[in-house]
Amino acid sequence: MGSPSNKPDRESDEGPQHQVTVKSFYMGKHEVTQREWQELMGNNPSNFRGDNLPVERVSWFEVIEYCNRRSVREGLTPA
């Protein structure tokens, strides 16, 4: 993580470059659709509407709630 110290236009918050390890996790192949969000969360905050469009205008905390609800539904341990 981070960028090399000799990178042109490097910002001061891009270093130092270092190794990072991330625990295993599941990731969907496609964006969460508005239909999927609506079915699990009971609302659709999106500005550009369409059942098969990606959900948008959601906060970090709303996404965590969605992921936890989906984990429970799929028999996984929520975060």
C-alpha atoms as a PDB file:
ATOM      1  CA  MET A   1       0.000   0.000   0.000  1.00  0.00           C
ATOM      2  CA  GLY A   2       1.253   3.472  -0.747  1.00  0.00           C
ATOM      3  CA  SER A   3       3.273   4.733  -3.655  1.00  0.00           C
ATOM      4  CA  PRO A   4       7.021   4.702  -4.305  1.00  0.00           C
ATOM      5  CA  SER A   5       8.846   7.724  -2.912  1.00  0.00           C
ATOM      6  CA  ASN A   6      10.240   8.531  -6.393  1.00  0.00           C
ATOM      7  CA  LYS A   7       6.804   8.622  -8.099  1.00  0.00           C
ATOM      8  CA  PRO A   8       6.226  11.929  -9.900  1.00  0.00           C
ATOM      9  CA  ASP A   9       3.489  14.064  -8.303  1.00  0.00           C
ATOM     10  CA  ARG A  10       3.424  11.848  -5.213  1.00  0.00           C
ATOM     11  CA  GLU A  11       1.351  13.333  -2.386  1.00  0.00           C
ATOM     12  CA  SER A  12       2.691  13.405   1.176  1.00  0.00           C
ATOM     13  CA  ASP A  13      -0.050  11.056   2.412  1.00  0.00           C
ATOM     14  CA  GLU A  14       0.852   8.298  -0.089  1.00  0.00           C
ATOM     15  CA  GLY A  15       3.689   6.840   1.939  1.00  0.00           C
ATOM     16  CA  PRO A  16       5.497   5.094   3.231  1.00  0.00           C
ATOM     17  CA  GLN A  17       4.945   2.203   0.860  1.00  0.00           C
ATOM     18  CA  HIS A  18       4.279  -0.968   2.892  1.00  0.00           C
ATOM     19  CA  GLN A  19       2.858  -4.517   2.763  1.00  0.00           C
ATOM     20  CA  VAL A  20      -0.785  -5.011   3.809  1.00  0.00           C
ATOM     21  CA  THR A  21      -2.600  -8.274   4.540  1.00  0.00           C
ATOM     22  CA  VAL A  22      -6.394  -8.447   4.222  1.00  0.00           C
ATOM     23  CA  LYS A  23      -8.494 -11.203   5.807  1.00  0.00           C
ATOM     24  CA  SER A  24     -10.528 -13.350   3.447  1.00  0.00           C
ATOM     25  CA  PHE A  25     -13.910 -11.992   2.383  1.00  0.00           C
ATOM     26  CA  TYR A  26     -16.683 -12.564  -0.130  1.00  0.00           C
ATOM     27  CA  MET A  27     -17.313 -10.168  -2.978  1.00  0.00           C
ATOM     28  CA  GLY A  28     -20.194 -10.089  -5.422  1.00  0.00           C
ATOM     29  CA  LYS A  29     -19.459 -10.405  -9.111  1.00  0.00           C
ATOM     30  CA  HIS A  30     -21.769  -7.489  -9.996  1.00  0.00           C
ATOM     31  CA  GLU A  31     -22.976  -4.317  -8.339  1.00  0.00           C
ATOM     32  CA  VAL A  32     -25.971  -4.600  -6.007  1.00  0.00           C
ATOM     33  CA  THR A  33     -29.074  -3.788  -8.008  1.00  0.00           C
ATOM     34  CA  GLN A  34     -31.837  -1.528  -6.788  1.00  0.00           C
ATOM     35  CA  ARG A  35     -34.174  -4.545  -6.750  1.00  0.00           C
ATOM     36  CA  GLU A  36     -31.783  -6.483  -4.483  1.00  0.00           C
ATOM     37  CA  TRP A  37     -31.387  -3.491  -2.167  1.00  0.00           C
ATOM     38  CA  GLN A  38     -35.142  -2.868  -2.013  1.00  0.00           C
ATOM     39  CA  GLU A  39     -35.917  -6.519  -1.207  1.00  0.00           C
ATOM     40  CA  LEU A  40     -33.480  -6.600   1.718  1.00  0.00           C
ATOM     41  CA  MET A  41     -33.550  -3.017   3.022  1.00  0.00           C
ATOM     42  CA  GLY A  42     -37.137  -2.013   2.236  1.00  0.00           C
ATOM     43  CA  ASN A  43     -36.179   1.252   0.516  1.00  0.00           C
ATOM     44  CA  ASN A  44     -34.487   2.573  -2.600  1.00  0.00           C
ATOM     45  CA  PRO A  45     -32.413   5.731  -2.095  1.00  0.00           C
ATOM     46  CA  SER A  46     -31.242   5.843  -5.731  1.00  0.00           C
ATOM     47  CA  ASN A  47     -31.641   8.957  -7.852  1.00  0.00           C
ATOM     48  CA  PHE A  48     -31.461   7.148 -11.212  1.00  0.00           C
ATOM     49  CA  ARG A  49     -34.250   4.562 -10.907  1.00  0.00           C
ATOM     50  CA  GLY A  50     -34.400   1.101 -12.451  1.00  0.00           C
ATOM     51  CA  ASP A  51     -34.705  -2.358 -10.883  1.00  0.00           C
ATOM     52  CA  ASN A  52     -31.597  -3.612 -12.672  1.00  0.00           C
ATOM     53  CA  LEU A  53     -29.486  -0.472 -12.177  1.00  0.00           C
ATOM     54  CA  PRO A  54     -26.906  -0.395  -9.374  1.00  0.00           C
ATOM     55  CA  VAL A  55     -28.125   1.113  -6.120  1.00  0.00           C
ATOM     56  CA  GLU A  56     -26.538   4.506  -5.408  1.00  0.00           C
ATOM     57  CA  ARG A  57     -26.696   7.311  -2.848  1.00  0.00           C
ATOM     58  CA  VAL A  58     -26.045   4.976   0.088  1.00  0.00           C
ATOM     59  CA  SER A  59     -23.763   5.641   3.042  1.00  0.00           C
ATOM     60  CA  TRP A  60     -20.932   3.474   4.295  1.00  0.00           C
ATOM     61  CA  PHE A  61     -23.042   2.508   7.318  1.00  0.00           C
ATOM     62  CA  GLU A  62     -26.045   1.573   5.153  1.00  0.00           C
ATOM     63  CA  VAL A  63     -23.791  -0.675   3.083  1.00  0.00           C
ATOM     64  CA  ILE A  64     -22.518  -2.380   6.247  1.00  0.00           C
ATOM     65  CA  GLU A  65     -26.133  -2.978   7.315  1.00  0.00           C
ATOM     66  CA  TYR A  66     -26.958  -4.390   3.872  1.00  0.00           C
ATOM     67  CA  CYS A  67     -23.946  -6.720   3.968  1.00  0.00           C
ATOM     68  CA  ASN A  68     -24.806  -7.925   7.465  1.00  0.00           C
ATOM     69  CA  ARG A  69     -28.430  -8.619   6.528  1.00  0.00           C
ATOM     70  CA  ARG A  70     -27.329 -10.432   3.399  1.00  0.00           C
ATOM     71  CA  SER A  71     -24.797 -12.470   5.385  1.00  0.00           C
ATOM     72  CA  VAL A  72     -27.529 -13.592   7.809  1.00  0.00           C
ATOM     73  CA  ARG A  73     -29.852 -14.464   4.916  1.00  0.00           C
ATOM     74  CA  GLU A  74     -27.106 -16.550   3.273  1.00  0.00           C
ATOM     75  CA  GLY A  75     -26.093 -18.310   6.497  1.00  0.00           C
ATOM     76  CA  LEU A  76     -22.836 -16.417   6.920  1.00  0.00           C
ATOM     77  CA  THR A  77     -21.520 -14.608   9.990  1.00  0.00           C
ATOM     78  CA  PRO A  78     -22.179 -10.861   9.850  1.00  0.00           C
ATOM     79  CA  ALA A  79     -19.343  -8.435  10.516  1.00  0.00           C
END
